[in-house]
Amino acid sequence: RRAITNWGRDSKLLTFEKKLKDGMLANGYSSEFSE
């Protein structure tokens, strides 16, 4: 949430990309859904 709020200032949101996508894939969601 804090990274989303600060998006465009320090771009920390991108550091969550791998964790988000890997977590969704591990829980059975498709790569299309995670993207």
PDB file of all heavy atoms in Angstrom:
ATOM      1  N   ARG A   1       0.834  -1.210   0.000  1.00  0.00           N
ATOM      2  CA  ARG A   1       0.000   0.000   0.000  1.00  0.00           C
ATOM      3  C   ARG A   1       0.862   1.251   0.000  1.00  0.00           C
ATOM      4  O   ARG A   1       0.594   2.205  -0.752  1.00  0.00           O
ATOM      5  CB  ARG A   1      -0.919  -0.013   1.223  1.00  0.00           C
ATOM      6  CG  ARG A   1      -1.801   1.241   1.338  1.00  0.00           C
ATOM      7  CD  ARG A   1      -2.471   1.319   2.700  1.00  0.00           C
ATOM      8  NE  ARG A   1      -1.502   1.416   3.773  1.00  0.00           N
ATOM      9  CZ  ARG A   1      -0.853   2.518   4.114  1.00  0.00           C
ATOM     10  NH1 ARG A   1      -1.025   3.642   3.416  1.00  0.00           N
ATOM     11  NH2 ARG A   1       0.007   2.515   5.109  1.00  0.00           N
ATOM     12  N   ARG A   2       1.906   1.249   0.828  1.00  0.00           N
ATOM     13  CA  ARG A   2       2.785   2.425   0.880  1.00  0.00           C
ATOM     14  C   ARG A   2       3.520   2.609  -0.443  1.00  0.00           C
ATOM     15  O   ARG A   2       3.738   3.738  -0.891  1.00  0.00           O
ATOM     16  CB  ARG A   2       3.779   2.281   2.036  1.00  0.00           C
ATOM     17  CG  ARG A   2       3.133   2.356   3.412  1.00  0.00           C
ATOM     18  CD  ARG A   2       4.166   2.589   4.502  1.00  0.00           C
ATOM     19  NE  ARG A   2       5.168   1.538   4.554  1.00  0.00           N
ATOM     20  CZ  ARG A   2       5.053   0.422   5.273  1.00  0.00           C
ATOM     21  NH1 ARG A   2       3.958   0.229   6.014  1.00  0.00           N
ATOM     22  NH2 ARG A   2       6.005  -0.483   5.280  1.00  0.00           N
ATOM     23  N   ALA A   3       3.904   1.494  -1.068  1.00  0.00           N
ATOM     24  CA  ALA A   3       4.596   1.588  -2.354  1.00  0.00           C
ATOM     25  C   ALA A   3       3.672   2.145  -3.428  1.00  0.00           C
ATOM     26  O   ALA A   3       4.089   2.946  -4.272  1.00  0.00           O
ATOM     27  CB  ALA A   3       5.117   0.213  -2.766  1.00  0.00           C
ATOM     28  N   ILE A   4       2.406   1.732  -3.392  1.00  0.00           N
ATOM     29  CA  ILE A   4       1.434   2.254  -4.350  1.00  0.00           C
ATOM     30  C   ILE A   4       1.259   3.756  -4.150  1.00  0.00           C
ATOM     31  O   ILE A   4       1.229   4.542  -5.099  1.00  0.00           O
ATOM     32  CB  ILE A   4       0.078   1.529  -4.191  1.00  0.00           C
ATOM     33  CG1 ILE A   4       0.190   0.087  -4.697  1.00  0.00           C
ATOM     34  CG2 ILE A   4      -1.025   2.269  -4.945  1.00  0.00           C
ATOM     35  CD1 ILE A   4      -1.052  -0.741  -4.465  1.00  0.00           C
ATOM     36  N   THR A   5       1.167   4.160  -2.891  1.00  0.00           N
ATOM     37  CA  THR A   5       0.981   5.573  -2.576  1.00  0.00           C
ATOM     38  C   THR A   5       2.150   6.414  -3.067  1.00  0.00           C
ATOM     39  O   THR A   5       1.974   7.558  -3.511  1.00  0.00           O
ATOM     40  CB  THR A   5       0.815   5.764  -1.053  1.00  0.00           C
ATOM     41  OG1 THR A   5      -0.293   4.974  -0.607  1.00  0.00           O
ATOM     42  CG2 THR A   5       0.559   7.213  -0.703  1.00  0.00           C
ATOM     43  N   ASN A   6       3.352   5.849  -3.021  1.00  0.00           N
ATOM     44  CA  ASN A   6       4.559   6.597  -3.397  1.00  0.00           C
ATOM     45  C   ASN A   6       5.003   6.346  -4.836  1.00  0.00           C
ATOM     46  O   ASN A   6       6.084   6.763  -5.221  1.00  0.00           O
ATOM     47  CB  ASN A   6       5.714   6.225  -2.451  1.00  0.00           C
ATOM     48  CG  ASN A   6       5.468   6.723  -1.044  1.00  0.00           C
ATOM     49  OD1 ASN A   6       4.915   7.791  -0.851  1.00  0.00           O
ATOM     50  ND2 ASN A   6       5.866   5.930  -0.056  1.00  0.00           N
ATOM     51  N   TRP A   7       4.170   5.647  -5.600  1.00  0.00           N
ATOM     52  CA  TRP A   7       4.545   5.325  -6.980  1.00  0.00           C
ATOM     53  C   TRP A   7       4.801   6.612  -7.762  1.00  0.00           C
ATOM     54  O   TRP A   7       4.041   7.556  -7.705  1.00  0.00           O
ATOM     55  CB  TRP A   7       3.436   4.526  -7.645  1.00  0.00           C
ATOM     56  CG  TRP A   7       3.619   4.251  -9.101  1.00  0.00           C
ATOM     57  CD1 TRP A   7       2.854   4.724 -10.119  1.00  0.00           C
ATOM     58  CD2 TRP A   7       4.596   3.425  -9.714  1.00  0.00           C
ATOM     59  NE1 TRP A   7       3.292   4.256 -11.324  1.00  0.00           N
ATOM     60  CE2 TRP A   7       4.361   3.444 -11.104  1.00  0.00           C
ATOM     61  CE3 TRP A   7       5.668   2.672  -9.230  1.00  0.00           C
ATOM     62  CZ2 TRP A   7       5.146   2.737 -12.015  1.00  0.00           C
ATOM     63  CZ3 TRP A   7       6.448   1.969 -10.137  1.00  0.00           C
ATOM     64  CH2 TRP A   7       6.190   2.004 -11.500  1.00  0.00           C
ATOM     65  N   GLY A   8       5.911   6.600  -8.477  1.00  0.00           N
ATOM     66  CA  GLY A   8       6.294   7.782  -9.237  1.00  0.00           C
ATOM     67  C   GLY A   8       7.329   8.619  -8.510  1.00  0.00           C
ATOM     68  O   GLY A   8       7.962   9.466  -9.100  1.00  0.00           O
ATOM     69  N   ARG A   9       7.510   8.351  -7.193  1.00  0.00           N
ATOM     70  CA  ARG A   9       8.524   9.091  -6.434  1.00  0.00           C
ATOM     71  C   ARG A   9       9.799   8.259  -6.304  1.00  0.00           C
ATOM     72  O   ARG A   9      10.869   8.678  -6.686  1.00  0.00           O
ATOM     73  CB  ARG A   9       7.982   9.444  -5.045  1.00  0.00           C
ATOM     74  CG  ARG A   9       6.716  10.299  -5.086  1.00  0.00           C
ATOM     75  CD  ARG A   9       6.181  10.519  -3.677  1.00  0.00           C
ATOM     76  NE  ARG A   9       4.840  11.092  -3.685  1.00  0.00           N
ATOM     77  CZ  ARG A   9       4.093  11.237  -2.613  1.00  0.00           C
ATOM     78  NH1 ARG A   9       4.549  10.874  -1.430  1.00  0.00           N
ATOM     79  NH2 ARG A   9       2.882  11.753  -2.700  1.00  0.00           N
ATOM     80  N   ASP A  10       9.623   7.039  -5.764  1.00  0.00           N
ATOM     81  CA  ASP A  10      10.817   6.211  -5.609  1.00  0.00           C
ATOM     82  C   ASP A  10      10.678   4.845  -6.291  1.00  0.00           C
ATOM     83  O   ASP A  10      11.580   4.022  -6.229  1.00  0.00           O
ATOM     84  CB  ASP A  10      11.145   6.005  -4.121  1.00  0.00           C
ATOM     85  CG  ASP A  10       9.932   5.533  -3.331  1.00  0.00           C
ATOM     86  OD1 ASP A  10       8.996   4.993  -3.945  1.00  0.00           O
ATOM     87  OD2 ASP A  10       9.947   5.698  -2.103  1.00  0.00           O
ATOM     88  N   SER A  11       9.524   4.594  -6.939  1.00  0.00           N
ATOM     89  CA  SER A  11       9.315   3.381  -7.755  1.00  0.00           C
ATOM     90  C   SER A  11       9.507   2.081  -6.988  1.00  0.00           C
ATOM     91  O   SER A  11       9.878   1.069  -7.568  1.00  0.00           O
ATOM     92  CB  SER A  11      10.250   3.399  -8.990  1.00  0.00           C
ATOM     93  OG  SER A  11      10.006   4.531  -9.789  1.00  0.00           O
ATOM     94  N   LYS A  12       9.255   2.066  -5.676  1.00  0.00           N
ATOM     95  CA  LYS A  12       9.385   0.826  -4.904  1.00  0.00           C
ATOM     96  C   LYS A  12       8.339  -0.214  -5.295  1.00  0.00           C
ATOM     97  O   LYS A  12       8.488  -1.388  -4.985  1.00  0.00           O
ATOM     98  CB  LYS A  12       9.283   1.139  -3.413  1.00  0.00           C
ATOM     99  CG  LYS A  12      10.506   1.851  -2.848  1.00  0.00           C
ATOM    100  CD  LYS A  12      10.375   2.056  -1.347  1.00  0.00           C
ATOM    101  CE  LYS A  12      11.613   2.750  -0.791  1.00  0.00           C
ATOM    102  NZ  LYS A  12      11.502   2.996   0.666  1.00  0.00           N
ATOM    103  N   LEU A  13       7.289   0.223  -5.962  1.00  0.00           N
ATOM    104  CA  LEU A  13       6.247  -0.712  -6.360  1.00  0.00           C
ATOM    105  C   LEU A  13       6.802  -1.849  -7.204  1.00  0.00           C
ATOM    106  O   LEU A  13       6.384  -3.004  -7.079  1.00  0.00           O
ATOM    107  CB  LEU A  13       5.158   0.036  -7.130  1.00  0.00           C
ATOM    108  CG  LEU A  13       3.970  -0.793  -7.640  1.00  0.00           C
ATOM    109  CD1 LEU A  13       3.286  -1.528  -6.497  1.00  0.00           C
ATOM    110  CD2 LEU A  13       2.984   0.102  -8.365  1.00  0.00           C
ATOM    111  N   LEU A  14       7.773  -1.540  -8.065  1.00  0.00           N
ATOM    112  CA  LEU A  14       8.328  -2.568  -8.946  1.00  0.00           C
ATOM    113  C   LEU A  14       9.056  -3.661  -8.176  1.00  0.00           C
ATOM    114  O   LEU A  14       9.220  -4.774  -8.691  1.00  0.00           O
ATOM    115  CB  LEU A  14       9.272  -1.921  -9.968  1.00  0.00           C
ATOM    116  CG  LEU A  14       8.605  -0.952 -10.961  1.00  0.00           C
ATOM    117  CD1 LEU A  14       9.648  -0.336 -11.875  1.00  0.00           C
ATOM    118  CD2 LEU A  14       7.533  -1.669 -11.768  1.00  0.00           C
ATOM    119  N   THR A  15       9.496  -3.378  -6.952  1.00  0.00           N
ATOM    120  CA  THR A  15      10.181  -4.403  -6.159  1.00  0.00           C
ATOM    121  C   THR A  15       9.212  -5.497  -5.711  1.00  0.00           C
ATOM    122  O   THR A  15       9.663  -6.562  -5.280  1.00  0.00           O
ATOM    123  CB  THR A  15      10.858  -3.783  -4.923  1.00  0.00           C
ATOM    124  OG1 THR A  15       9.851  -3.250  -4.052  1.00  0.00           O
ATOM    125  CG2 THR A  15      11.814  -2.667  -5.322  1.00  0.00           C
ATOM    126  N   PHE A  16       7.919  -5.265  -5.820  1.00  0.00           N
ATOM    127  CA  PHE A  16       6.925  -6.268  -5.430  1.00  0.00           C
ATOM    128  C   PHE A  16       6.486  -7.136  -6.607  1.00  0.00           C
ATOM    129  O   PHE A  16       5.744  -8.107  -6.403  1.00  0.00           O
ATOM    130  CB  PHE A  16       5.691  -5.585  -4.831  1.00  0.00           C
ATOM    131  CG  PHE A  16       5.916  -4.977  -3.481  1.00  0.00           C
ATOM    132  CD1 PHE A  16       6.370  -3.674  -3.364  1.00  0.00           C
ATOM    133  CD2 PHE A  16       5.682  -5.707  -2.325  1.00  0.00           C
ATOM    134  CE1 PHE A  16       6.577  -3.106  -2.122  1.00  0.00           C
ATOM    135  CE2 PHE A  16       5.889  -5.156  -1.079  1.00  0.00           C
ATOM    136  CZ  PHE A  16       6.341  -3.849  -0.966  1.00  0.00           C
ATOM    137  N   GLU A  17       6.932  -6.808  -7.803  1.00  0.00           N
ATOM    138  CA  GLU A  17       6.427  -7.513  -8.984  1.00  0.00           C
ATOM    139  C   GLU A  17       6.679  -9.019  -8.915  1.00  0.00           C
ATOM    140  O   GLU A  17       5.762  -9.831  -9.108  1.00  0.00           O
ATOM    141  CB  GLU A  17       7.058  -6.937 -10.255  1.00  0.00           C
ATOM    142  CG  GLU A  17       6.571  -7.619 -11.520  1.00  0.00           C
ATOM    143  CD  GLU A  17       7.089  -6.956 -12.780  1.00  0.00           C
ATOM    144  OE1 GLU A  17       7.955  -6.049 -12.672  1.00  0.00           O
ATOM    145  OE2 GLU A  17       6.635  -7.327 -13.871  1.00  0.00           O
ATOM    146  N   LYS A  18       7.908  -9.404  -8.635  1.00  0.00           N
ATOM    147  CA  LYS A  18       8.246 -10.834  -8.615  1.00  0.00           C
ATOM    148  C   LYS A  18       7.469 -11.573  -7.526  1.00  0.00           C
ATOM    149  O   LYS A  18       6.934 -12.658  -7.757  1.00  0.00           O
ATOM    150  CB  LYS A  18       9.746 -11.032  -8.418  1.00  0.00           C
ATOM    151  CG  LYS A  18      10.197 -12.480  -8.550  1.00  0.00           C
ATOM    152  CD  LYS A  18      11.699 -12.609  -8.445  1.00  0.00           C
ATOM    153  CE  LYS A  18      12.165 -14.013  -8.784  1.00  0.00           C
ATOM    154  NZ  LYS A  18      11.509 -15.052  -7.968  1.00  0.00           N
ATOM    155  N   LYS A  19       7.397 -10.998  -6.339  1.00  0.00           N
ATOM    156  CA  LYS A  19       6.700 -11.657  -5.241  1.00  0.00           C
ATOM    157  C   LYS A  19       5.212 -11.820  -5.548  1.00  0.00           C
ATOM    158  O   LYS A  19       4.611 -12.855  -5.258  1.00  0.00           O
ATOM    159  CB  LYS A  19       6.900 -10.881  -3.946  1.00  0.00           C
ATOM    160  CG  LYS A  19       6.229 -11.535  -2.742  1.00  0.00           C
ATOM    161  CD  LYS A  19       6.574 -10.825  -1.449  1.00  0.00           C
ATOM    162  CE  LYS A  19       5.876 -11.495  -0.269  1.00  0.00           C
ATOM    163  NZ  LYS A  19       6.212 -12.929  -0.140  1.00  0.00           N
ATOM    164  N   LEU A  20       4.621 -10.790  -6.123  1.00  0.00           N
ATOM    165  CA  LEU A  20       3.210 -10.862  -6.479  1.00  0.00           C
ATOM    166  C   LEU A  20       2.953 -11.943  -7.525  1.00  0.00           C
ATOM    167  O   LEU A  20       2.072 -12.801  -7.350  1.00  0.00           O
ATOM    168  CB  LEU A  20       2.732  -9.507  -7.009  1.00  0.00           C
ATOM    169  CG  LEU A  20       2.353  -8.451  -5.971  1.00  0.00           C
ATOM    170  CD1 LEU A  20       2.289  -7.076  -6.626  1.00  0.00           C
ATOM    171  CD2 LEU A  20       1.019  -8.780  -5.316  1.00  0.00           C
ATOM    172  N   LYS A  21       3.726 -11.919  -8.594  1.00  0.00           N
ATOM    173  CA  LYS A  21       3.504 -12.879  -9.672  1.00  0.00           C
ATOM    174  C   LYS A  21       3.830 -14.307  -9.227  1.00  0.00           C
ATOM    175  O   LYS A  21       3.074 -15.246  -9.518  1.00  0.00           O
ATOM    176  CB  LYS A  21       4.343 -12.488 -10.889  1.00  0.00           C
ATOM    177  CG  LYS A  21       3.860 -11.208 -11.557  1.00  0.00           C
ATOM    178  CD  LYS A  21       4.714 -10.853 -12.771  1.00  0.00           C
ATOM    179  CE  LYS A  21       4.204  -9.616 -13.472  1.00  0.00           C
ATOM    180  NZ  LYS A  21       5.031  -9.228 -14.634  1.00  0.00           N
ATOM    181  N   ASP A  22       4.953 -14.490  -8.514  1.00  0.00           N
ATOM    182  CA  ASP A  22       5.309 -15.826  -8.035  1.00  0.00           C
ATOM    183  C   ASP A  22       4.258 -16.352  -7.066  1.00  0.00           C
ATOM    184  O   ASP A  22       3.909 -17.538  -7.090  1.00  0.00           O
ATOM    185  CB  ASP A  22       6.677 -15.805  -7.341  1.00  0.00           C
ATOM    186  CG  ASP A  22       7.825 -15.624  -8.330  1.00  0.00           C
ATOM    187  OD1 ASP A  22       7.571 -15.711  -9.553  1.00  0.00           O
ATOM    188  OD2 ASP A  22       8.964 -15.387  -7.876  1.00  0.00           O
ATOM    189  N   GLY A  23       3.750 -15.468  -6.208  1.00  0.00           N
ATOM    190  CA  GLY A  23       2.726 -15.890  -5.255  1.00  0.00           C
ATOM    191  C   GLY A  23       1.452 -16.330  -5.946  1.00  0.00           C
ATOM    192  O   GLY A  23       0.839 -17.330  -5.562  1.00  0.00           O
ATOM    193  N   MET A  24       1.041 -15.617  -6.976  1.00  0.00           N
ATOM    194  CA  MET A  24      -0.172 -15.984  -7.704  1.00  0.00           C
ATOM    195  C   MET A  24       0.018 -17.289  -8.478  1.00  0.00           C
ATOM    196  O   MET A  24      -0.879 -18.145  -8.495  1.00  0.00           O
ATOM    197  CB  MET A  24      -0.581 -14.844  -8.643  1.00  0.00           C
ATOM    198  CG  MET A  24      -1.226 -13.676  -7.912  1.00  0.00           C
ATOM    199  SD  MET A  24      -1.843 -12.374  -8.990  1.00  0.00           S
ATOM    200  CE  MET A  24      -0.352 -11.393  -9.216  1.00  0.00           C
ATOM    201  N   LEU A  25       1.180 -17.458  -9.077  1.00  0.00           N
ATOM    202  CA  LEU A  25       1.448 -18.701  -9.792  1.00  0.00           C
ATOM    203  C   LEU A  25       1.469 -19.886  -8.830  1.00  0.00           C
ATOM    204  O   LEU A  25       0.938 -20.961  -9.135  1.00  0.00           O
ATOM    205  CB  LEU A  25       2.782 -18.601 -10.544  1.00  0.00           C
ATOM    206  CG  LEU A  25       2.820 -17.611 -11.720  1.00  0.00           C
ATOM    207  CD1 LEU A  25       4.238 -17.489 -12.266  1.00  0.00           C
ATOM    208  CD2 LEU A  25       1.863 -18.059 -12.827  1.00  0.00           C
ATOM    209  N   ALA A  26       2.059 -19.687  -7.656  1.00  0.00           N
ATOM    210  CA  ALA A  26       2.117 -20.754  -6.649  1.00  0.00           C
ATOM    211  C   ALA A  26       0.731 -21.121  -6.138  1.00  0.00           C
ATOM    212  O   ALA A  26       0.490 -22.273  -5.739  1.00  0.00           O
ATOM    213  CB  ALA A  26       3.005 -20.323  -5.484  1.00  0.00           C
ATOM    214  N   ASN A  27      -0.192 -20.180  -6.180  1.00  0.00           N
ATOM    215  CA  ASN A  27      -1.561 -20.436  -5.716  1.00  0.00           C
ATOM    216  C   ASN A  27      -2.476 -20.900  -6.841  1.00  0.00           C
ATOM    217  O   ASN A  27      -3.693 -20.971  -6.658  1.00  0.00           O
ATOM    218  CB  ASN A  27      -2.134 -19.180  -5.065  1.00  0.00           C
ATOM    219  CG  ASN A  27      -1.546 -18.933  -3.686  1.00  0.00           C
ATOM    220  OD1 ASN A  27      -1.204 -19.870  -2.978  1.00  0.00           O
ATOM    221  ND2 ASN A  27      -1.431 -17.670  -3.307  1.00  0.00           N
ATOM    222  N   GLY A  28      -1.886 -21.205  -7.997  1.00  0.00           N
ATOM    223  CA  GLY A  28      -2.657 -21.811  -9.074  1.00  0.00           C
ATOM    224  C   GLY A  28      -3.267 -20.855 -10.084  1.00  0.00           C
ATOM    225  O   GLY A  28      -4.032 -21.275 -10.953  1.00  0.00           O
ATOM    226  N   TYR A  29      -2.923 -19.577  -9.993  1.00  0.00           N
ATOM    227  CA  TYR A  29      -3.445 -18.629 -10.975  1.00  0.00           C
ATOM    228  C   TYR A  29      -2.579 -18.643 -12.231  1.00  0.00           C
ATOM    229  O   TYR A  29      -1.378 -18.933 -12.168  1.00  0.00           O
ATOM    230  CB  TYR A  29      -3.489 -17.222 -10.377  1.00  0.00           C
ATOM    231  CG  TYR A  29      -4.439 -17.096  -9.215  1.00  0.00           C
ATOM    232  CD1 TYR A  29      -3.982 -17.207  -7.904  1.00  0.00           C
ATOM    233  CD2 TYR A  29      -5.798 -16.885  -9.427  1.00  0.00           C
ATOM    234  CE1 TYR A  29      -4.861 -17.106  -6.824  1.00  0.00           C
ATOM    235  CE2 TYR A  29      -6.674 -16.769  -8.361  1.00  0.00           C
ATOM    236  CZ  TYR A  29      -6.207 -16.892  -7.063  1.00  0.00           C
ATOM    237  OH  TYR A  29      -7.079 -16.792  -6.000  1.00  0.00           O
ATOM    238  N   SER A  30      -3.168 -18.316 -13.352  1.00  0.00           N
ATOM    239  CA  SER A  30      -2.439 -18.337 -14.613  1.00  0.00           C
ATOM    240  C   SER A  30      -1.481 -17.159 -14.699  1.00  0.00           C
ATOM    241  O   SER A  30      -1.643 -16.143 -14.016  1.00  0.00           O
ATOM    242  CB  SER A  30      -3.423 -18.279 -15.792  1.00  0.00           C
ATOM    243  OG  SER A  30      -4.074 -17.023 -15.834  1.00  0.00           O
ATOM    244  N   SER A  31      -0.491 -17.308 -15.568  1.00  0.00           N
ATOM    245  CA  SER A  31       0.447 -16.206 -15.774  1.00  0.00           C
ATOM    246  C   SER A  31      -0.265 -15.002 -16.365  1.00  0.00           C
ATOM    247  O   SER A  31       0.073 -13.850 -16.074  1.00  0.00           O
ATOM    248  CB  SER A  31       1.593 -16.644 -16.694  1.00  0.00           C
ATOM    249  OG  SER A  31       1.089 -17.108 -17.937  1.00  0.00           O
ATOM    250  N   GLU A  32      -1.298 -15.251 -17.190  1.00  0.00           N
ATOM    251  CA  GLU A  32      -2.073 -14.148 -17.768  1.00  0.00           C
ATOM    252  C   GLU A  32      -2.788 -13.357 -16.666  1.00  0.00           C
ATOM    253  O   GLU A  32      -2.793 -12.128 -16.676  1.00  0.00           O
ATOM    254  CB  GLU A  32      -3.105 -14.702 -18.754  1.00  0.00           C
ATOM    255  CG  GLU A  32      -3.953 -13.620 -19.421  1.00  0.00           C
ATOM    256  CD  GLU A  32      -5.003 -14.202 -20.349  1.00  0.00           C
ATOM    257  OE1 GLU A  32      -5.114 -15.446 -20.434  1.00  0.00           O
ATOM    258  OE2 GLU A  32      -5.720 -13.406 -20.997  1.00  0.00           O
ATOM    259  N   PHE A  33      -3.360 -14.079 -15.709  1.00  0.00           N
ATOM    260  CA  PHE A  33      -4.053 -13.422 -14.602  1.00  0.00           C
ATOM    261  C   PHE A  33      -3.072 -12.615 -13.763  1.00  0.00           C
ATOM    262  O   PHE A  33      -3.367 -11.471 -13.371  1.00  0.00           O
ATOM    263  CB  PHE A  33      -4.756 -14.466 -13.728  1.00  0.00           C
ATOM    264  CG  PHE A  33      -5.483 -13.874 -12.540  1.00  0.00           C
ATOM    265  CD1 PHE A  33      -6.773 -13.383 -12.662  1.00  0.00           C
ATOM    266  CD2 PHE A  33      -4.867 -13.803 -11.295  1.00  0.00           C
ATOM    267  CE1 PHE A  33      -7.446 -12.834 -11.573  1.00  0.00           C
ATOM    268  CE2 PHE A  33      -5.520 -13.255 -10.201  1.00  0.00           C
ATOM    269  CZ  PHE A  33      -6.815 -12.767 -10.348  1.00  0.00           C
ATOM    270  N   SER A  34      -1.904 -13.181 -13.494  1.00  0.00           N
ATOM    271  CA  SER A  34      -0.920 -12.483 -12.663  1.00  0.00           C
ATOM    272  C   SER A  34      -0.400 -11.232 -13.362  1.00  0.00           C
ATOM    273  O   SER A  34      -0.189 -10.193 -12.726  1.00  0.00           O
ATOM    274  CB  SER A  34       0.241 -13.420 -12.302  1.00  0.00           C
ATOM    275  OG  SER A  34       0.974 -13.797 -13.443  1.00  0.00           O
ATOM    276  N   GLU A  35      -0.193 -11.311 -14.668  1.00  0.00           N
ATOM    277  CA  GLU A  35       0.251 -10.140 -15.419  1.00  0.00           C
ATOM    278  C   GLU A  35      -0.818  -9.048 -15.404  1.00  0.00           C
ATOM    279  O   GLU A  35      -0.520  -7.864 -15.187  1.00  0.00           O
ATOM    280  CB  GLU A  35       0.566 -10.529 -16.874  1.00  0.00           C
ATOM    281  CG  GLU A  35       1.837 -11.335 -17.065  1.00  0.00           C
ATOM    282  CD  GLU A  35       3.087 -10.460 -16.989  1.00  0.00           C
ATOM    283  OE1 GLU A  35       2.959  -9.217 -16.955  1.00  0.00           O
ATOM    284  OE2 GLU A  35       4.185 -11.035 -16.951  1.00  0.00           O
TER     285      GLU A  35
END
